[in-house]
């Protein structure tokens, strides 16, 4: 009995000792002050005391050269980087920053949100200097990067050991990356060195949170399509790229750029999974992966710019404002190879608007009624190509448009907020106004209405 009591005391003492030891090893709860530094001049001066804090434009001017310091006989950029169309200029470049020595610091507020999927593994930061915007892209190898660096968060970055470069003429903080993907589209033009994504652990180690997120502190500049697209030389574009802007009194036209990006064409009503011209925000690119663009015009229908979205974005397959499956009216088919039986009911349609009418078989009721607004005549069995009736002219003649499925787009009017983007990845072409685009975080950056009723996004669904 006595032995048992002593044993019991030893066990209790041991448990108490272990409990005390474990409590002393308890993980310390995160403290706000340990994660977010005060957003005052004294704190920032202390954090950057071993070097210099550059404004974003000073950073670009001080360390980003035209050719870059990475180009050599053994380290070649992509073959698209430079060419006769832009002699002496480089669309792709790399300037490495010293690892040791004085600290090289930049600071800015995160201006993007990747939840919608349009800024995949990319941040854009904004800095206001004397009331004016400066901006810089940052390439970080992290999915859902906005979970770590939310929109409106001010961050301080020690850039030593990284690089500043241009990818498709867009300046960005990065690391060198060599591309040798032989399966890429036009792969031989893309092999070589280019800006790459900074590994997440490396970026986190170099970055400090300044203050807490304040999205309302972000500054948007009111711009017009005309003033943006009037300036498209490479040097100007590098200063403007990444800025937050908003444009009022705009509407979608239902158009996209042709393959050569030199002219416009109306979107079609195809399935966005296999039709790159479908009337949604970002149909397939066949996994090439470039941002898809859809055109907006100003109030006078005089100037246009593209609004870009990734085909992998959550809202990629939503219809453009005012676009539908083109079946608001009645639907008919025209086959140029078919034998026409004029003993059966038919209507004539001037589908090409050139005085040449085609015969479209209809039922007796329709033959008596005639064509009406929004009637559709498809010219292919996939219902992707065709014409839509848009009413009658002053003489009573039916008018037909190639704006199939997008004829009502221009009826939705409003504004767009987004990141100004100048993307040019091929030196075989001269700089052009069509290199400009507005990159939106998601559809909430569009504020459109028709007759006082707000636009409601509608997703494409196969028939």
Protein backbone atom coordinates (compact mmCIF):
# COMPACT_ATOMS: atom_id res chain seq x y z
CA UNK A 1 0.00 0.00 0.00
CA UNK A 2 2.82 2.35 0.91
CA UNK A 3 4.70 1.48 -2.29
CA UNK A 4 1.60 2.27 -4.36
CA UNK A 5 1.28 5.71 -2.78
CA UNK A 6 4.87 6.60 -3.60
CA UNK A 7 4.39 5.38 -7.19
CA UNK A 8 1.25 7.44 -7.51
CA UNK A 9 3.07 10.54 -6.31
CA UNK A 10 5.84 9.98 -8.85
CA UNK A 11 3.32 9.61 -11.68
CA UNK A 12 1.48 12.76 -10.67
CA UNK A 13 4.74 14.67 -10.42
CA UNK A 14 5.78 13.41 -13.84
CA UNK A 15 2.51 14.42 -15.43
CA UNK A 16 2.76 17.84 -13.84
CA UNK A 17 6.28 18.28 -15.15
CA UNK A 18 5.30 17.23 -18.68
CA UNK A 19 2.29 19.54 -18.58
CA UNK A 20 4.49 22.41 -17.50
CA UNK A 21 6.99 21.63 -20.27
CA UNK A 22 4.28 21.46 -22.92
CA UNK A 23 2.71 24.71 -21.78
CA UNK A 24 6.08 26.42 -22.01
CA UNK A 25 6.43 25.16 -25.63
CA UNK A 26 3.03 26.43 -26.68
CA UNK A 27 3.08 28.14 -30.08
CA UNK A 28 2.78 31.89 -29.78
CA UNK A 29 -0.41 33.29 -31.22
CA UNK A 30 0.14 35.58 -34.23
CA UNK A 31 0.21 39.23 -33.27
CA UNK A 32 -1.00 41.86 -35.74
CA UNK A 33 2.07 44.02 -35.12
CA UNK A 34 4.37 41.12 -36.06
CA UNK A 35 2.77 40.81 -39.51
CA UNK A 36 1.73 44.34 -40.46
CA UNK A 37 4.21 47.16 -40.02
CA UNK A 38 2.99 50.67 -39.29
CA UNK A 39 2.42 52.76 -42.40
CA UNK A 40 4.41 55.75 -41.19
CA UNK A 41 7.56 57.37 -42.53
CA UNK A 42 9.66 56.47 -39.48
CA UNK A 43 8.87 52.75 -39.72
CA UNK A 44 9.50 52.64 -43.47
CA UNK A 45 12.77 54.54 -43.05
CA UNK A 46 13.87 51.99 -40.45
CA UNK A 47 12.93 49.04 -42.69
CA UNK A 48 14.89 50.48 -45.62
CA UNK A 49 17.84 51.86 -43.65
CA UNK A 50 20.34 49.53 -45.35
CA UNK A 51 19.56 50.89 -48.80
CA UNK A 52 17.25 53.12 -50.80
CA UNK A 53 13.51 53.18 -51.39
CA UNK A 54 12.83 53.90 -55.08
CA UNK A 55 9.56 55.10 -56.57
CA UNK A 56 8.29 52.60 -59.13
CA UNK A 57 9.26 54.81 -62.06
CA UNK A 58 12.68 55.53 -60.54
CA UNK A 59 13.15 51.78 -60.18
CA UNK A 60 12.39 51.21 -63.86
CA UNK A 61 14.52 54.15 -64.99
CA UNK A 62 17.47 53.13 -62.79
CA UNK A 63 17.68 49.41 -63.49
CA UNK A 64 15.75 48.55 -66.67
CA UNK A 65 17.84 49.06 -69.80
CA UNK A 66 16.71 48.56 -73.37
CA UNK A 67 18.80 45.50 -74.16
CA UNK A 68 19.13 44.26 -70.60
CA UNK A 69 22.27 42.84 -68.99
CA UNK A 70 21.29 39.21 -69.57
CA UNK A 71 21.72 39.15 -73.34
CA UNK A 72 24.85 37.40 -74.60
CA UNK A 73 25.97 34.86 -77.18
CA UNK A 74 24.91 32.08 -74.83
CA UNK A 75 21.86 33.74 -73.31
CA UNK A 76 19.45 34.71 -76.07
CA UNK A 77 16.00 36.20 -75.67
CA UNK A 78 13.00 34.88 -77.54
CA UNK A 79 13.35 35.39 -81.27
CA UNK A 80 10.23 37.59 -81.20
CA UNK A 81 12.01 40.01 -78.91
CA UNK A 82 13.43 42.38 -81.51
CA UNK A 83 13.20 42.87 -85.25
CA UNK A 84 13.20 45.23 -88.19
CA UNK A 85 9.78 46.63 -87.26
CA UNK A 86 11.23 48.02 -83.99
CA UNK A 87 14.99 48.43 -84.60
CA UNK A 88 17.01 48.79 -81.41
CA UNK A 89 14.02 48.02 -79.20
CA UNK A 90 13.36 44.85 -77.19
CA UNK A 91 9.93 43.51 -76.28
CA UNK A 92 11.54 40.93 -73.98
CA UNK A 93 14.43 41.88 -71.73
CA UNK A 94 16.13 41.03 -68.42
CA UNK A 95 18.24 43.18 -66.10
CA UNK A 96 19.42 41.26 -63.05
CA UNK A 97 19.71 43.13 -59.75
CA UNK A 98 22.70 42.77 -57.41
CA UNK A 99 22.24 40.21 -54.65
CA UNK A 100 24.57 41.90 -52.18
CA UNK A 101 25.30 45.51 -51.33
CA UNK A 102 22.81 48.23 -50.53
CA UNK A 103 19.17 47.26 -50.37
CA UNK A 104 17.00 48.07 -53.38
CA UNK A 105 13.45 48.70 -52.19
CA UNK A 106 10.13 49.45 -53.86
CA UNK A 107 6.71 49.88 -52.29
CA UNK A 108 3.20 49.90 -53.67
CA UNK A 109 -0.41 48.97 -53.05
CA UNK A 110 -1.74 45.77 -54.64
CA UNK A 111 -4.17 46.83 -57.39
CA UNK A 112 -5.32 43.43 -58.66
CA UNK A 113 -7.39 40.47 -57.53
CA UNK A 114 -6.91 37.02 -59.09
CA UNK A 115 -10.18 35.50 -57.81
CA UNK A 116 -11.76 35.90 -61.23
CA UNK A 117 -8.76 34.27 -62.89
CA UNK A 118 -7.57 37.20 -65.00
CA UNK A 119 -4.34 37.92 -63.12
CA UNK A 120 -3.05 34.39 -62.68
CA UNK A 121 0.21 34.38 -60.69
CA UNK A 122 0.49 38.12 -61.23
CA UNK A 123 0.27 41.19 -59.05
CA UNK A 124 0.12 44.80 -60.14
CA UNK A 125 1.13 47.38 -57.56
CA UNK A 126 0.28 51.07 -57.57
CA UNK A 127 2.12 54.00 -56.07
CA UNK A 128 0.90 57.60 -55.95
CA UNK A 129 3.68 60.16 -56.36
CA UNK A 130 2.71 63.85 -56.30
CA UNK A 131 -0.86 62.83 -57.05
CA UNK A 132 0.11 60.80 -60.13
CA UNK A 133 -0.04 57.04 -60.59
CA UNK A 134 2.97 54.80 -61.09
CA UNK A 135 2.57 51.06 -61.59
CA UNK A 136 4.56 47.85 -61.91
CA UNK A 137 3.68 44.22 -62.59
CA UNK A 138 5.09 41.48 -60.37
CA UNK A 139 5.28 37.87 -61.51
CA UNK A 140 4.96 35.46 -58.55
CA UNK A 141 4.78 31.66 -58.78
CA UNK A 142 1.71 31.26 -56.58
CA UNK A 143 -1.85 30.33 -57.41
CA UNK A 144 -4.50 32.39 -55.59
CA UNK A 145 -1.81 34.94 -54.79
CA UNK A 146 -4.49 37.42 -53.70
CA UNK A 147 -5.08 35.25 -50.64
CA UNK A 148 -1.62 36.31 -49.44
CA UNK A 149 -1.54 39.80 -50.95
CA UNK A 150 -5.14 41.07 -51.13
CA UNK A 151 -6.23 44.03 -53.13
CA UNK A 152 -5.46 47.27 -51.33
CA UNK A 153 -2.55 45.87 -49.29
CA UNK A 154 0.60 48.01 -49.26
CA UNK A 155 3.76 45.93 -49.59
CA UNK A 156 7.46 46.74 -49.29
CA UNK A 157 9.82 44.59 -51.40
CA UNK A 158 13.59 44.17 -51.14
CA UNK A 159 14.42 43.49 -54.79
CA UNK A 160 18.05 42.40 -54.43
CA UNK A 161 18.81 39.17 -56.30
CA UNK A 162 15.73 39.43 -58.50
CA UNK A 163 15.40 41.02 -61.94
CA UNK A 164 13.43 43.67 -63.74
CA UNK A 165 12.42 42.80 -67.25
CA UNK A 166 9.84 43.17 -69.97
CA UNK A 167 7.48 40.45 -71.11
CA UNK A 168 5.67 41.52 -74.28
CA UNK A 169 6.86 45.07 -73.51
CA UNK A 170 5.24 45.02 -70.04
CA UNK A 171 7.79 45.94 -67.31
CA UNK A 172 7.77 43.61 -64.32
CA UNK A 173 9.68 42.45 -61.28
CA UNK A 174 10.70 38.86 -62.01
CA UNK A 175 13.48 36.27 -62.20
CA UNK A 176 15.14 34.96 -65.40
CA UNK A 177 13.38 31.98 -66.94
CA UNK A 178 14.35 29.90 -69.96
CA UNK A 179 11.55 28.59 -72.16
CA UNK A 180 12.19 25.45 -74.20
CA UNK A 181 8.63 24.19 -74.60
CA UNK A 182 8.77 22.52 -78.00
CA UNK A 183 5.03 21.86 -77.90
CA UNK A 184 3.99 25.51 -77.66
CA UNK A 185 2.24 27.27 -80.52
CA UNK A 186 4.97 28.56 -82.89
CA UNK A 187 7.47 27.18 -80.40
CA UNK A 188 10.60 28.07 -82.39
CA UNK A 189 9.73 31.78 -81.99
CA UNK A 190 9.38 31.45 -78.22
CA UNK A 191 12.50 29.54 -77.20
CA UNK A 192 14.86 31.66 -75.11
CA UNK A 193 15.17 33.76 -71.97
CA UNK A 194 12.31 35.91 -70.69
CA UNK A 195 10.95 37.21 -67.39
CA UNK A 196 9.81 34.35 -65.16
CA UNK A 197 7.84 33.99 -61.94
CA UNK A 198 9.53 34.64 -58.61
CA UNK A 199 9.34 31.52 -56.39
CA UNK A 200 6.80 32.15 -53.62
CA UNK A 201 9.13 31.47 -50.63
CA UNK A 202 11.66 33.88 -52.11
CA UNK A 203 9.05 36.56 -52.64
CA UNK A 204 7.59 36.16 -49.16
CA UNK A 205 11.05 36.48 -47.61
CA UNK A 206 11.62 39.74 -49.49
CA UNK A 207 8.21 41.29 -48.77
CA UNK A 208 6.70 43.05 -45.77
CA UNK A 209 3.11 44.14 -45.20
CA UNK A 210 2.77 47.88 -44.59
CA UNK A 211 -0.47 48.77 -42.86
CA UNK A 212 -3.62 46.75 -43.51
CA UNK A 213 -5.55 46.34 -46.78
CA UNK A 214 -7.38 49.47 -47.92
CA UNK A 215 -8.94 48.99 -51.33
CA UNK A 216 -10.49 52.47 -51.22
CA UNK A 217 -6.98 53.98 -51.23
CA UNK A 218 -6.45 52.80 -54.82
CA UNK A 219 -6.64 55.62 -57.36
CA UNK A 220 -8.40 55.28 -60.71
CA UNK A 221 -7.74 57.87 -63.39
CA UNK A 222 -10.56 58.88 -65.71
CA UNK A 223 -9.46 58.37 -69.29
CA UNK A 224 -10.97 58.28 -72.76
CA UNK A 225 -10.43 55.63 -75.38
CA UNK A 226 -9.13 58.29 -77.75
CA UNK A 227 -6.37 59.56 -75.45
CA UNK A 228 -5.23 56.04 -74.53
CA UNK A 229 -4.98 54.68 -78.06
CA UNK A 230 -3.39 57.84 -79.48
CA UNK A 231 -0.09 57.03 -77.70
CA UNK A 232 1.29 53.62 -78.50
CA UNK A 233 5.05 53.94 -78.90
CA UNK A 234 6.93 51.45 -76.75
CA UNK A 235 8.50 53.91 -74.31
CA UNK A 236 5.20 55.62 -73.52
CA UNK A 237 3.44 52.27 -73.17
CA UNK A 238 5.96 51.09 -70.56
CA UNK A 239 5.12 54.05 -68.33
CA UNK A 240 1.37 53.68 -68.73
CA UNK A 241 1.07 49.90 -68.51
CA UNK A 242 -0.44 48.70 -65.24
CA UNK A 243 -2.21 51.92 -64.26
CA UNK A 244 -5.78 51.78 -62.94
CA UNK A 245 -8.24 53.61 -65.19
CA UNK A 246 -11.95 53.98 -65.76
CA UNK A 247 -13.75 54.96 -68.94
CA UNK A 248 -17.31 56.25 -69.05
CA UNK A 249 -19.98 56.21 -71.77
CA UNK A 250 -18.79 53.00 -73.39
CA UNK A 251 -20.62 50.08 -74.97
CA UNK A 252 -19.67 46.74 -76.42
CA UNK A 253 -19.94 46.42 -80.18
CA UNK A 254 -20.01 42.62 -80.25
CA UNK A 255 -16.76 42.61 -82.19
CA UNK A 256 -13.31 41.13 -81.74
CA UNK A 257 -10.00 41.54 -83.52
CA UNK A 258 -9.20 39.47 -86.58
CA UNK A 259 -6.30 37.04 -86.38
CA UNK A 260 -3.81 39.64 -87.60
CA UNK A 261 -5.20 42.18 -85.08
CA UNK A 262 -5.48 44.77 -87.84
CA UNK A 263 -9.26 44.91 -88.26
CA UNK A 264 -12.54 44.06 -86.55
CA UNK A 265 -15.04 41.27 -87.10
CA UNK A 266 -18.35 40.42 -85.50
CA UNK A 267 -18.33 37.60 -83.00
CA UNK A 268 -20.22 34.44 -83.93
CA UNK A 269 -22.74 32.28 -82.08
CA UNK A 270 -20.56 29.18 -81.92
CA UNK A 271 -19.73 27.03 -78.92
CA UNK A 272 -16.91 28.84 -77.03
CA UNK A 273 -15.28 25.48 -76.31
CA UNK A 274 -14.29 25.18 -79.97
CA UNK A 275 -15.06 28.57 -81.56
CA UNK A 276 -12.51 31.26 -80.72
CA UNK A 277 -14.79 33.95 -82.15
CA UNK A 278 -17.85 33.10 -80.06
CA UNK A 279 -19.91 35.94 -78.58
CA UNK A 280 -18.65 35.46 -75.02
CA UNK A 281 -15.89 37.26 -73.15
CA UNK A 282 -13.09 34.71 -73.63
CA UNK A 283 -13.68 31.60 -75.74
CA UNK A 284 -10.99 29.05 -76.45
CA UNK A 285 -7.62 29.94 -77.92
CA UNK A 286 -6.89 26.26 -78.53
CA UNK A 287 -4.79 26.31 -75.33
CA UNK A 288 -2.38 28.88 -76.78
CA UNK A 289 -3.32 30.99 -73.78
CA UNK A 290 -3.21 34.61 -74.95
CA UNK A 291 -5.82 36.99 -73.44
CA UNK A 292 -9.00 37.10 -75.48
CA UNK A 293 -10.25 40.58 -76.30
CA UNK A 294 -13.67 42.00 -77.01
CA UNK A 295 -14.20 45.52 -78.33
CA UNK A 296 -15.79 48.52 -76.64
CA UNK A 297 -16.50 51.84 -78.36
CA UNK A 298 -16.92 55.36 -77.04
CA UNK A 299 -20.20 57.24 -77.14
CA UNK A 300 -19.57 58.59 -80.64
CA UNK A 301 -18.72 55.12 -82.04
CA UNK A 302 -15.46 56.67 -83.23
CA UNK A 303 -12.72 55.11 -81.08
CA UNK A 304 -12.41 51.58 -79.73
CA UNK A 305 -10.27 49.58 -77.33
CA UNK A 306 -10.35 45.95 -76.25
CA UNK A 307 -11.36 44.55 -72.85
CA UNK A 308 -9.33 41.42 -72.20
CA UNK A 309 -10.06 38.27 -70.24
CA UNK A 310 -8.37 34.89 -69.86
CA UNK A 311 -10.04 31.84 -71.36
CA UNK A 312 -9.40 30.14 -68.00
CA UNK A 313 -11.23 32.85 -66.00
CA UNK A 314 -14.37 31.96 -64.06
CA UNK A 315 -16.51 34.20 -66.26
CA UNK A 316 -14.87 33.45 -69.61
CA UNK A 317 -17.99 31.87 -71.14
CA UNK A 318 -20.49 34.53 -70.11
CA UNK A 319 -22.25 36.26 -72.99
CA UNK A 320 -21.20 39.77 -73.92
CA UNK A 321 -23.73 42.38 -72.72
CA UNK A 322 -26.74 42.19 -75.02
CA UNK A 323 -25.50 39.05 -76.76
CA UNK A 324 -27.61 35.89 -76.87
CA UNK A 325 -27.82 32.76 -78.97
CA UNK A 326 -29.27 34.98 -81.75
CA UNK A 327 -32.71 33.44 -81.47
CA UNK A 328 -34.80 36.33 -80.17
CA UNK A 329 -36.62 36.25 -83.50
CA UNK A 330 -37.56 33.29 -85.67
CA UNK A 331 -34.82 31.08 -87.07
CA UNK A 332 -34.35 29.93 -90.66
CA UNK A 333 -31.61 28.27 -92.70
CA UNK A 334 -30.21 29.10 -96.12
CA UNK A 335 -28.24 26.62 -98.18
CA UNK A 336 -26.66 28.02 -101.34
CA UNK A 337 -26.32 24.53 -102.79
CA UNK A 338 -29.94 23.52 -102.22
CA UNK A 339 -32.40 23.28 -105.13
CA UNK A 340 -35.07 25.93 -104.66
CA UNK A 341 -38.70 24.90 -105.10
CA UNK A 342 -40.46 28.16 -105.93
CA UNK A 343 -43.84 26.41 -105.78
CA UNK A 344 -43.43 26.32 -101.99
CA UNK A 345 -43.61 29.36 -99.65
CA UNK A 346 -40.42 31.42 -99.51
CA UNK A 347 -39.03 34.87 -98.69
CA UNK A 348 -36.23 36.85 -100.29
CA UNK A 349 -33.38 38.08 -98.11
CA UNK A 350 -30.64 40.44 -99.22
CA UNK A 351 -28.10 38.81 -96.89
CA UNK A 352 -25.06 40.45 -98.43
CA UNK A 353 -26.64 43.90 -98.66
CA UNK A 354 -25.38 44.19 -102.22
CA UNK A 355 -28.65 43.96 -104.10
CA UNK A 356 -28.38 40.17 -104.44
CA UNK A 357 -31.32 38.45 -102.75
CA UNK A 358 -31.37 34.80 -101.77
CA UNK A 359 -34.34 32.51 -101.49
CA UNK A 360 -35.14 31.23 -98.00
CA UNK A 361 -37.85 28.53 -97.66
CA UNK A 362 -40.47 29.43 -95.00
CA UNK A 363 -43.99 28.32 -94.08
CA UNK A 364 -47.11 29.94 -95.46
CA UNK A 365 -47.72 32.08 -92.39
CA UNK A 366 -44.20 33.53 -92.52
CA UNK A 367 -44.41 34.14 -96.27
CA UNK A 368 -47.50 36.29 -95.64
CA UNK A 369 -46.06 38.00 -92.56
CA UNK A 370 -42.63 38.88 -94.01
CA UNK A 371 -39.31 39.44 -92.25
CA UNK A 372 -39.32 41.02 -88.81
CA UNK A 373 -36.76 42.51 -86.44
CA UNK A 374 -34.38 39.86 -85.00
CA UNK A 375 -35.28 37.15 -87.50
CA UNK A 376 -32.20 35.04 -88.12
CA UNK A 377 -31.05 33.25 -91.25
CA UNK A 378 -28.21 30.83 -90.56
CA UNK A 379 -25.83 29.94 -93.37
CA UNK A 380 -24.35 26.88 -91.67
CA UNK A 381 -25.81 23.90 -89.85
CA UNK A 382 -23.75 24.63 -86.69
CA UNK A 383 -25.68 27.91 -86.21
CA UNK A 384 -22.46 29.89 -85.92
CA UNK A 385 -22.66 31.91 -89.14
CA UNK A 386 -25.54 33.88 -90.55
CA UNK A 387 -27.40 37.19 -90.66
CA UNK A 388 -29.96 38.94 -88.51
CA UNK A 389 -32.73 41.27 -89.63
CA UNK A 390 -32.28 44.71 -88.07
CA UNK A 391 -35.41 46.38 -89.46
CA UNK A 392 -36.28 48.31 -92.60
CA UNK A 393 -34.66 51.30 -94.27
CA UNK A 394 -36.42 54.51 -95.34
CA UNK A 395 -37.72 52.83 -98.51
CA UNK A 396 -39.15 49.88 -96.62
CA UNK A 397 -36.39 47.50 -97.68
CA UNK A 398 -35.32 44.83 -95.21
CA UNK A 399 -31.84 45.38 -93.73
CA UNK A 400 -29.62 42.49 -92.70
CA UNK A 401 -26.51 42.54 -90.53
CA UNK A 402 -23.59 40.20 -89.91
CA UNK A 403 -23.90 41.13 -86.23
CA UNK A 404 -25.43 37.73 -85.56
CA UNK A 405 -26.02 37.26 -81.84
CA UNK A 406 -24.46 40.61 -80.96
CA UNK A 407 -26.76 43.10 -82.64
CA UNK A 408 -28.09 44.31 -79.26
CA UNK A 409 -24.70 44.73 -77.58
CA UNK A 410 -24.49 48.47 -78.14
CA UNK A 411 -27.75 49.01 -76.26
CA UNK A 412 -25.98 48.45 -72.92
CA UNK A 413 -24.12 51.62 -71.95
CA UNK A 414 -21.97 52.47 -68.92
CA UNK A 415 -18.40 52.34 -67.68
CA UNK A 416 -15.47 49.98 -67.27
CA UNK A 417 -12.81 49.94 -64.53
CA UNK A 418 -9.57 48.02 -64.95
CA UNK A 419 -5.83 47.80 -65.41
CA UNK A 420 -4.38 49.50 -68.47
CA UNK A 421 -2.50 46.91 -70.50
CA UNK A 422 -0.16 47.23 -73.47
CA UNK A 423 0.72 43.76 -74.77
CA UNK A 424 3.01 43.34 -77.78
CA UNK A 425 4.87 40.03 -78.09
CA UNK A 426 6.01 39.98 -81.71
CA UNK A 427 8.62 42.36 -83.13
CA UNK A 428 7.58 41.46 -86.68
CA UNK A 429 4.82 44.02 -86.37
CA UNK A 430 5.03 47.73 -85.68
CA UNK A 431 3.46 49.14 -82.50
CA UNK A 432 -0.26 49.79 -82.94
CA UNK A 433 -3.24 51.20 -81.07
CA UNK A 434 -4.73 47.69 -80.98
CA UNK A 435 -2.01 46.59 -78.54
CA UNK A 436 -3.90 48.50 -75.83
CA UNK A 437 -6.52 46.79 -73.68
CA UNK A 438 -8.30 47.14 -70.36
CA UNK A 439 -7.79 44.08 -68.15
CA UNK A 440 -10.65 43.57 -65.70
CA UNK A 441 -10.48 41.55 -62.49
CA UNK A 442 -13.97 40.15 -63.12
CA UNK A 443 -17.36 41.22 -64.48
CA UNK A 444 -17.99 43.44 -61.45
CA UNK A 445 -15.62 45.92 -63.14
CA UNK A 446 -18.31 46.51 -65.78
CA UNK A 447 -21.15 48.86 -64.88
CA UNK A 448 -23.68 48.76 -67.72
CA UNK A 449 -27.40 49.24 -68.08
CA UNK A 450 -30.13 49.41 -70.71
CA UNK A 451 -33.05 51.80 -70.28
CA UNK A 452 -32.19 52.17 -66.60
CA UNK A 453 -32.01 48.41 -65.96
CA UNK A 454 -28.63 46.99 -64.92
CA UNK A 455 -27.04 44.34 -67.10
CA UNK A 456 -27.31 40.83 -65.66
CA UNK A 457 -24.50 38.47 -66.77
CA UNK A 458 -25.72 35.28 -68.48
CA UNK A 459 -23.53 32.22 -69.01
CA UNK A 460 -23.43 30.29 -72.28
CA UNK A 461 -25.00 26.83 -72.18
CA UNK A 462 -24.90 24.39 -75.11
CA UNK A 463 -28.23 23.75 -76.84
